[in-house]
N, C-alpha and C. Protein backbone atom coordinates (compact mmCIF):
# COMPACT_ATOMS: atom_id res chain seq x y z
N UNK A 1 61.65 -34.17 82.34
CA UNK A 1 60.55 -35.15 82.63
C UNK A 1 59.25 -34.40 82.23
N UNK A 2 58.28 -34.91 81.48
CA UNK A 2 57.04 -34.24 81.27
C UNK A 2 56.15 -34.17 82.54
N UNK A 3 55.27 -33.19 82.64
CA UNK A 3 54.36 -33.27 83.77
C UNK A 3 53.10 -33.73 83.40
N UNK A 4 52.38 -34.53 84.08
CA UNK A 4 51.12 -34.91 83.74
C UNK A 4 50.24 -34.62 85.01
N UNK A 5 49.36 -33.59 84.65
CA UNK A 5 48.36 -33.09 85.73
C UNK A 5 47.04 -33.87 85.87
N UNK A 6 46.45 -34.01 86.90
CA UNK A 6 45.11 -34.35 87.03
C UNK A 6 44.27 -33.28 86.54
N UNK A 7 42.97 -33.69 86.20
CA UNK A 7 41.92 -32.67 85.57
C UNK A 7 41.84 -31.66 86.63
N UNK A 8 41.73 -31.86 87.91
CA UNK A 8 41.53 -31.07 89.00
C UNK A 8 42.44 -29.76 88.90
N UNK A 9 43.71 -29.90 88.55
CA UNK A 9 44.65 -28.93 88.40
C UNK A 9 44.75 -28.11 87.13
N UNK A 10 43.94 -28.54 86.06
CA UNK A 10 44.08 -27.81 84.83
C UNK A 10 44.02 -26.16 84.92
N UNK A 11 42.99 -25.83 85.51
CA UNK A 11 42.59 -24.29 85.51
C UNK A 11 43.67 -23.64 86.14
N UNK A 12 44.22 -24.05 87.30
CA UNK A 12 45.16 -23.58 88.01
C UNK A 12 46.56 -23.47 87.31
N UNK A 13 46.76 -24.58 86.69
CA UNK A 13 48.08 -24.61 85.80
C UNK A 13 48.13 -23.65 84.79
N UNK A 14 47.05 -23.31 84.23
CA UNK A 14 46.90 -22.36 83.07
C UNK A 14 46.72 -20.89 83.43
N UNK A 15 46.70 -20.49 84.72
CA UNK A 15 46.78 -19.18 85.19
C UNK A 15 48.10 -18.41 84.85
N UNK A 16 47.84 -17.34 84.43
CA UNK A 16 49.26 -16.46 84.02
C UNK A 16 49.78 -16.04 85.31
N UNK A 17 50.95 -16.05 85.54
CA UNK A 17 51.75 -15.34 86.69
C UNK A 17 51.86 -16.32 88.05
N UNK A 18 51.74 -17.53 87.76
CA UNK A 18 51.73 -18.41 88.94
C UNK A 18 53.16 -18.28 89.44
N UNK A 19 53.23 -18.25 90.92
CA UNK A 19 54.63 -18.39 91.63
C UNK A 19 55.19 -19.67 91.61
N UNK A 20 56.36 -19.81 91.84
CA UNK A 20 57.09 -21.10 91.79
C UNK A 20 56.61 -22.11 92.86
N UNK A 21 56.16 -21.51 94.04
CA UNK A 21 55.57 -22.42 94.99
C UNK A 21 54.25 -23.13 94.73
N UNK A 22 53.48 -22.29 93.88
CA UNK A 22 52.16 -22.83 93.50
C UNK A 22 52.42 -23.92 92.40
N UNK A 23 53.25 -23.59 91.66
CA UNK A 23 53.66 -24.57 90.44
C UNK A 23 54.17 -25.95 91.16
N UNK A 24 55.16 -25.70 91.98
CA UNK A 24 55.74 -27.02 92.54
C UNK A 24 54.79 -27.72 93.36
N UNK A 25 53.78 -26.96 93.86
CA UNK A 25 52.79 -27.71 94.76
C UNK A 25 51.87 -28.58 93.93
N UNK A 26 51.80 -28.21 92.62
CA UNK A 26 50.95 -29.01 91.66
C UNK A 26 51.69 -30.36 91.20
N UNK A 27 52.87 -30.39 91.36
CA UNK A 27 53.76 -31.45 90.87
C UNK A 27 53.55 -32.58 91.85
N UNK A 28 52.75 -33.67 91.54
CA UNK A 28 52.55 -34.92 92.23
C UNK A 28 52.75 -36.10 91.28
N UNK A 29 52.92 -37.24 91.77
CA UNK A 29 52.97 -38.47 91.01
C UNK A 29 51.59 -38.66 90.51
N UNK A 30 51.48 -38.74 89.12
CA UNK A 30 50.23 -39.16 88.42
C UNK A 30 50.02 -40.72 88.76
N UNK A 31 48.67 -40.91 88.94
CA UNK A 31 48.37 -42.39 89.44
C UNK A 31 48.69 -43.18 88.11
N UNK A 32 49.13 -44.36 88.36
CA UNK A 32 49.54 -45.27 87.44
C UNK A 32 48.21 -45.90 86.74
N UNK A 33 47.17 -45.98 87.64
CA UNK A 33 45.89 -46.40 87.19
C UNK A 33 45.22 -45.71 86.11
N UNK A 34 45.67 -44.36 85.99
CA UNK A 34 45.11 -43.54 84.94
C UNK A 34 45.92 -43.62 83.71
N UNK A 35 47.12 -44.12 83.67
CA UNK A 35 48.04 -44.21 82.47
C UNK A 35 47.82 -45.50 81.61
N UNK A 36 48.18 -45.27 80.31
CA UNK A 36 48.11 -46.49 79.53
C UNK A 36 49.45 -46.43 78.49
N UNK A 37 49.42 -47.72 77.90
CA UNK A 37 50.52 -47.75 76.94
C UNK A 37 50.36 -48.51 75.75
N UNK A 38 50.78 -48.31 74.82
CA UNK A 38 50.69 -49.32 73.60
C UNK A 38 52.05 -49.35 72.73
N UNK A 39 52.16 -50.31 72.09
CA UNK A 39 53.18 -50.54 71.24
C UNK A 39 53.36 -49.73 69.94
N UNK A 40 54.54 -49.30 69.62
CA UNK A 40 54.69 -48.51 68.49
C UNK A 40 55.76 -49.03 67.45
N UNK A 41 55.86 -48.67 66.32
CA UNK A 41 56.76 -49.46 65.33
C UNK A 41 58.20 -49.29 65.82
N UNK A 42 58.94 -50.40 65.76
CA UNK A 42 60.21 -50.47 66.08
C UNK A 42 61.00 -49.68 64.97
N UNK A 43 60.61 -49.15 64.00
CA UNK A 43 61.34 -48.15 63.16
C UNK A 43 61.68 -46.84 63.72
N UNK A 44 61.12 -46.53 64.86
CA UNK A 44 61.47 -45.41 65.48
C UNK A 44 62.85 -45.28 66.10
N UNK A 45 63.59 -46.51 66.12
CA UNK A 45 64.87 -46.67 66.71
C UNK A 45 65.87 -46.03 65.73
N UNK A 46 65.56 -45.77 64.65
CA UNK A 46 66.54 -45.38 63.51
C UNK A 46 66.31 -43.99 63.32
N UNK A 47 67.41 -43.26 63.34
CA UNK A 47 67.30 -41.70 63.22
C UNK A 47 67.13 -41.35 61.84
N UNK A 48 67.02 -42.29 60.81
CA UNK A 48 66.86 -41.92 59.62
C UNK A 48 65.22 -41.88 59.43
N UNK A 49 64.44 -42.55 60.15
CA UNK A 49 62.93 -42.44 60.22
C UNK A 49 62.56 -41.16 61.06
N UNK A 50 61.81 -40.27 60.35
CA UNK A 50 61.48 -39.21 61.23
C UNK A 50 60.04 -38.65 60.69
N UNK A 51 58.93 -39.51 61.08
CA UNK A 51 57.54 -38.99 60.51
C UNK A 51 56.82 -39.33 61.70
N UNK A 52 55.60 -38.54 61.74
CA UNK A 52 54.76 -38.66 62.96
C UNK A 52 54.00 -40.03 63.07
N UNK A 53 53.81 -40.67 61.95
CA UNK A 53 53.18 -41.81 62.05
C UNK A 53 53.90 -43.09 62.72
N UNK A 54 55.12 -42.80 63.18
CA UNK A 54 55.94 -43.70 63.85
C UNK A 54 55.15 -43.88 65.22
N UNK A 55 54.55 -42.87 65.74
CA UNK A 55 53.93 -42.82 67.05
C UNK A 55 52.53 -43.58 67.00
N UNK A 56 52.12 -43.93 65.86
CA UNK A 56 50.78 -44.62 65.70
C UNK A 56 50.70 -45.90 66.47
N UNK A 57 49.77 -46.15 67.16
CA UNK A 57 49.58 -47.46 67.89
C UNK A 57 49.61 -48.77 66.97
N UNK A 58 50.26 -49.71 67.24
CA UNK A 58 50.19 -50.97 66.47
C UNK A 58 49.82 -52.01 67.77
N UNK A 59 48.75 -52.83 67.33
CA UNK A 59 48.25 -53.65 68.23
C UNK A 59 47.36 -53.05 69.32
N UNK A 60 47.12 -53.92 70.28
CA UNK A 60 46.14 -53.42 71.37
C UNK A 60 46.89 -52.55 72.40
N UNK A 61 46.12 -51.70 73.17
CA UNK A 61 46.67 -50.97 74.29
C UNK A 61 46.70 -51.99 75.48
N UNK A 62 47.52 -51.55 76.48
CA UNK A 62 47.73 -52.59 77.51
C UNK A 62 46.44 -52.60 78.43
N UNK A 63 45.68 -51.55 78.49
CA UNK A 63 44.50 -51.53 79.19
C UNK A 63 43.26 -50.87 78.28
N UNK A 64 42.15 -51.45 78.27
CA UNK A 64 41.07 -50.95 77.51
C UNK A 64 40.82 -49.39 77.73
N UNK A 65 40.56 -48.69 76.65
CA UNK A 65 40.28 -47.10 76.94
C UNK A 65 38.97 -46.94 77.52
N UNK A 66 38.67 -45.76 78.21
CA UNK A 66 37.49 -45.43 78.78
C UNK A 66 36.83 -44.36 77.79
N UNK A 67 36.66 -44.73 76.59
CA UNK A 67 36.00 -43.71 75.57
C UNK A 67 34.70 -43.45 75.99
N UNK A 68 33.92 -44.30 76.61
CA UNK A 68 32.43 -44.25 76.72
C UNK A 68 32.33 -43.01 77.95
N UNK A 69 33.20 -43.20 78.86
CA UNK A 69 33.29 -42.14 80.00
C UNK A 69 33.51 -40.80 79.44
N UNK A 70 34.47 -40.76 78.71
CA UNK A 70 34.93 -39.57 78.30
C UNK A 70 34.03 -38.83 77.47
N UNK A 71 33.39 -39.62 76.44
CA UNK A 71 32.42 -39.13 75.49
C UNK A 71 31.25 -38.54 76.24
N UNK A 72 30.62 -39.36 77.32
CA UNK A 72 29.59 -38.95 78.16
C UNK A 72 30.03 -37.55 78.79
N UNK A 73 31.20 -37.40 79.39
CA UNK A 73 31.69 -36.18 79.95
C UNK A 73 31.55 -35.10 79.06
N UNK A 74 32.04 -35.10 77.91
CA UNK A 74 32.20 -34.19 76.82
C UNK A 74 30.75 -33.73 76.46
N UNK A 75 29.87 -34.61 76.24
CA UNK A 75 28.46 -34.42 75.84
C UNK A 75 27.86 -33.54 77.01
N UNK A 76 28.06 -34.09 78.18
CA UNK A 76 27.30 -33.35 79.24
C UNK A 76 27.98 -31.88 79.63
N UNK A 77 29.18 -31.82 79.69
CA UNK A 77 30.08 -30.56 80.22
C UNK A 77 30.70 -29.94 78.96
N UNK A 78 31.02 -30.38 77.84
CA UNK A 78 31.65 -29.59 76.86
C UNK A 78 33.01 -29.86 76.90
N UNK A 79 33.76 -29.34 75.94
CA UNK A 79 35.27 -29.61 75.99
C UNK A 79 35.93 -28.74 77.08
N UNK A 80 35.52 -27.70 77.64
CA UNK A 80 36.09 -26.84 78.36
C UNK A 80 35.49 -26.94 79.82
N UNK A 81 34.59 -27.90 80.05
CA UNK A 81 34.22 -28.16 81.46
C UNK A 81 33.00 -27.28 81.96
N UNK A 82 32.50 -26.73 80.92
CA UNK A 82 31.37 -25.75 81.31
C UNK A 82 29.96 -26.50 81.04
N UNK A 83 29.12 -26.63 82.11
CA UNK A 83 27.93 -27.40 81.97
C UNK A 83 27.13 -26.96 80.80
N UNK A 84 26.71 -27.65 79.99
CA UNK A 84 25.85 -27.30 78.79
C UNK A 84 24.51 -26.83 79.06
N UNK A 85 23.96 -25.82 78.70
CA UNK A 85 22.65 -25.38 78.66
C UNK A 85 21.51 -26.38 78.27
N UNK A 86 20.47 -26.54 78.66
CA UNK A 86 19.44 -27.55 78.22
C UNK A 86 18.76 -26.67 77.24
N UNK A 87 18.28 -27.42 76.18
CA UNK A 87 17.48 -26.75 75.05
C UNK A 87 16.36 -25.84 75.45
N UNK A 88 15.57 -26.17 76.50
CA UNK A 88 14.62 -25.28 76.93
C UNK A 88 15.13 -23.90 77.56
N UNK A 89 16.32 -24.02 78.10
CA UNK A 89 17.09 -22.74 78.83
C UNK A 89 17.40 -21.86 77.68
N UNK A 90 17.76 -22.33 76.40
CA UNK A 90 18.07 -21.46 75.30
C UNK A 90 16.94 -20.64 74.76
N UNK A 91 15.71 -21.01 75.17
CA UNK A 91 14.60 -20.13 74.43
C UNK A 91 14.05 -19.21 75.58
N UNK A 92 14.60 -19.22 76.69
CA UNK A 92 14.16 -18.30 77.78
C UNK A 92 14.77 -16.95 77.54
N UNK A 93 13.96 -15.78 77.84
CA UNK A 93 14.66 -14.56 77.65
C UNK A 93 15.69 -14.24 78.53
N UNK A 94 16.81 -13.61 78.05
CA UNK A 94 17.93 -13.28 78.76
C UNK A 94 17.63 -11.78 79.37
N UNK A 95 18.68 -11.47 80.33
CA UNK A 95 18.55 -10.16 81.10
C UNK A 95 18.51 -9.12 80.04
N UNK A 96 19.42 -9.20 78.92
CA UNK A 96 19.25 -8.15 77.83
C UNK A 96 18.13 -8.16 77.23
N UNK A 97 17.36 -9.23 76.84
CA UNK A 97 16.05 -9.09 76.35
C UNK A 97 14.98 -8.49 77.15
N UNK A 98 15.07 -8.60 78.55
CA UNK A 98 14.26 -8.10 79.42
C UNK A 98 14.49 -6.55 79.61
N UNK A 99 15.58 -6.12 79.50
CA UNK A 99 15.91 -4.69 79.58
C UNK A 99 15.35 -3.95 78.28
N UNK A 100 15.50 -4.62 76.99
CA UNK A 100 14.91 -4.11 75.84
C UNK A 100 13.47 -3.73 75.97
N UNK A 101 12.75 -4.68 76.67
CA UNK A 101 11.01 -4.36 76.76
C UNK A 101 10.82 -3.35 77.71
N UNK A 102 11.72 -2.92 78.73
CA UNK A 102 11.55 -1.91 79.51
C UNK A 102 11.70 -0.50 78.87
């Protein structure tokens, strides 16, 4: 059975050397409200068909996607969850620049 983690546990899950107790502590039922589904081709039922396009959605998803929220979050925090620097912060001198002046 695949594991679906909430975003809160991503960093913990990716830490090397986790003990079994920590790993099993992360395994919780994923909220159904956060899942979605869509129809795929019925051709997937035949073992003769083996290509990745069989997994492409056909028709509408069961629930509308939340692309707007995800895009806003990526623009604000970046793909790895780090808050992006403001443009004016990029022009400020760094500690390395200050050390060169001394």
